[in-house]
């Protein structure tokens, strides 16, 4: 993907087993301010975003405890993805697809005011990236 597509790293996404406890730690221990909360229906998670300088830390908990248990394997938290804001999501997906990167969903998913696509880690050096841009229109 060309660097002119990349606007910025927006946030680091951390899956947690206990959203309340993780939120208390970020606010009480690090003094980070809660910037926004979201119920992301398309991904079936509850999320909170805490400002940490120019980047945010997103903590999220799957609504289905079995999903959280499988993904976390008993751990209290796991860094799950790095979110990159792109200039044009269709162009970024096309460029990455040409480079052999595959995505978890057949089409971008709604994540609040944005459309997002998540890379399949086996095709993106073992890491998951969330690429997103504001919804058009």
Protein backbone atom coordinates (compact mmCIF):
# COMPACT_ATOMS: atom_id res chain seq x y z
CA UNK A 1 0.00 0.00 0.00
CA UNK A 2 1.41 3.38 -0.90
CA UNK A 3 2.30 5.65 1.99
CA UNK A 4 0.06 8.38 0.58
CA UNK A 5 -2.90 6.19 1.62
CA UNK A 6 -1.83 6.19 5.29
CA UNK A 7 -3.05 9.18 7.28
CA UNK A 8 -2.15 8.09 10.85
CA UNK A 9 -2.17 5.40 13.47
CA UNK A 10 -5.47 6.08 15.23
CA UNK A 11 -5.54 3.48 18.00
CA UNK A 12 -4.30 0.18 19.34
CA UNK A 13 -7.12 -2.29 20.03
CA UNK A 14 -6.90 -4.48 23.12
CA UNK A 15 -9.41 -7.26 23.76
CA UNK A 16 -10.13 -7.56 27.48
CA UNK A 17 -11.95 -10.06 29.66
CA UNK A 18 -13.28 -7.33 31.99
CA UNK A 19 -14.08 -3.98 30.39
CA UNK A 20 -14.81 -2.28 33.72
CA UNK A 21 -11.54 -3.36 35.37
CA UNK A 22 -9.46 -2.45 32.32
CA UNK A 23 -11.16 0.95 32.10
CA UNK A 24 -10.53 1.65 35.78
CA UNK A 25 -6.85 0.82 35.31
CA UNK A 26 -6.45 3.16 32.34
CA UNK A 27 -8.26 6.03 34.05
CA UNK A 28 -7.17 5.58 37.68
CA UNK A 29 -3.60 4.35 37.22
CA UNK A 30 -2.53 6.08 34.00
CA UNK A 31 -4.89 9.04 34.32
CA UNK A 32 -6.14 8.60 30.74
CA UNK A 33 -9.40 10.29 29.81
CA UNK A 34 -12.27 8.26 28.40
CA UNK A 35 -12.91 9.83 25.01
CA UNK A 36 -15.81 7.74 23.77
CA UNK A 37 -17.74 4.51 24.18
CA UNK A 38 -19.34 2.39 21.49
CA UNK A 39 -21.46 -0.70 21.01
CA UNK A 40 -20.20 -2.05 17.71
CA UNK A 41 -23.03 -4.26 16.52
CA UNK A 42 -21.21 -5.43 13.38
CA UNK A 43 -18.46 -6.95 15.57
CA UNK A 44 -20.66 -7.76 18.60
CA UNK A 45 -18.42 -5.90 21.06
CA UNK A 46 -18.54 -3.07 23.59
CA UNK A 47 -15.62 -0.66 23.27
CA UNK A 48 -14.08 2.29 25.09
CA UNK A 49 -11.44 4.63 23.73
CA UNK A 50 -8.93 6.37 26.00
CA UNK A 51 -6.78 9.25 24.74
CA UNK A 52 -3.03 8.66 25.06
CA UNK A 53 -1.33 11.59 23.31
CA UNK A 54 -2.02 11.54 19.58
CA UNK A 55 -3.12 7.88 19.67
CA UNK A 56 -5.95 6.19 21.52
CA UNK A 57 -6.08 2.90 23.37
CA UNK A 58 -9.25 1.00 22.55
CA UNK A 59 -10.32 -1.64 25.03
CA UNK A 60 -13.13 -3.89 23.93
CA UNK A 61 -14.99 -6.88 25.26
CA UNK A 62 -16.93 -9.33 23.10
CA UNK A 63 -20.59 -9.58 24.11
CA UNK A 64 -20.35 -13.38 23.93
CA UNK A 65 -18.18 -14.67 26.82
CA UNK A 66 -17.31 -17.82 24.83
CA UNK A 67 -15.77 -15.67 22.08
CA UNK A 68 -13.67 -13.80 24.64
CA UNK A 69 -12.55 -17.04 26.32
CA UNK A 70 -11.48 -18.60 23.00
CA UNK A 71 -9.59 -15.51 21.86
CA UNK A 72 -7.98 -14.69 25.20
CA UNK A 73 -7.22 -18.27 26.24
CA UNK A 74 -7.57 -17.33 29.90
CA UNK A 75 -5.45 -14.17 29.66
CA UNK A 76 -7.00 -10.95 30.99
CA UNK A 77 -6.08 -8.99 27.84
CA UNK A 78 -4.52 -9.29 24.40
CA UNK A 79 -3.34 -6.63 21.94
CA UNK A 80 -5.52 -7.53 18.97
CA UNK A 81 -5.06 -4.91 16.26
CA UNK A 82 -3.47 -1.66 15.17
CA UNK A 83 -5.91 0.76 13.55
CA UNK A 84 -4.72 2.89 10.65
CA UNK A 85 -6.81 5.69 9.18
CA UNK A 86 -6.49 5.66 5.38
CA UNK A 87 -7.29 8.24 2.72
CA UNK A 88 -9.46 5.88 0.66
CA UNK A 89 -10.55 2.50 2.00
CA UNK A 90 -11.39 1.02 -1.44
CA UNK A 91 -7.99 2.06 -2.83
CA UNK A 92 -6.13 0.72 0.21
CA UNK A 93 -7.98 -2.62 0.02
CA UNK A 94 -7.26 -2.91 -3.69
CA UNK A 95 -3.55 -2.17 -3.25
CA UNK A 96 -3.18 -4.59 -0.35
CA UNK A 97 -5.18 -7.25 -2.16
CA UNK A 98 -2.77 -6.95 -5.09
CA UNK A 99 0.02 -7.65 -2.56
CA UNK A 100 -1.72 -10.83 -1.33
CA UNK A 101 -3.30 -9.45 1.84
CA UNK A 102 -6.68 -10.97 2.66
CA UNK A 103 -9.38 -9.61 4.95
CA UNK A 104 -11.54 -11.15 7.68
CA UNK A 105 -14.83 -10.00 6.13
CA UNK A 106 -16.07 -10.06 2.54
CA UNK A 107 -16.91 -6.36 2.70
CA UNK A 108 -16.00 -3.47 5.01
CA UNK A 109 -17.98 -3.35 8.25
CA UNK A 110 -19.58 -0.34 9.92
CA UNK A 111 -17.69 0.79 12.99
CA UNK A 112 -19.53 3.88 14.19
CA UNK A 113 -19.03 6.70 11.68
CA UNK A 114 -16.45 4.67 9.74
CA UNK A 115 -16.12 1.70 7.42
CA UNK A 116 -13.40 -0.73 8.45
CA UNK A 117 -11.59 -3.75 7.08
CA UNK A 118 -9.46 -6.08 9.21
CA UNK A 119 -6.51 -7.93 7.72
CA UNK A 120 -6.20 -11.69 8.06
CA UNK A 121 -3.04 -11.97 10.23
CA UNK A 122 -1.65 -14.92 8.27
CA UNK A 123 -1.41 -12.59 5.26
CA UNK A 124 -0.13 -9.49 7.11
CA UNK A 125 3.04 -10.70 8.85
CA UNK A 126 1.15 -12.23 11.78
CA UNK A 127 -0.45 -8.93 12.81
CA UNK A 128 -4.02 -7.73 12.42
CA UNK A 129 -4.55 -4.24 11.07
CA UNK A 130 -7.81 -2.34 11.02
CA UNK A 131 -7.89 -0.02 8.02
CA UNK A 132 -10.66 2.55 8.15
CA UNK A 133 -12.06 5.72 6.64
CA UNK A 134 -15.21 7.76 7.25
CA UNK A 135 -18.37 6.47 5.59
CA UNK A 136 -19.15 8.29 2.36
CA UNK A 137 -22.21 10.45 2.08
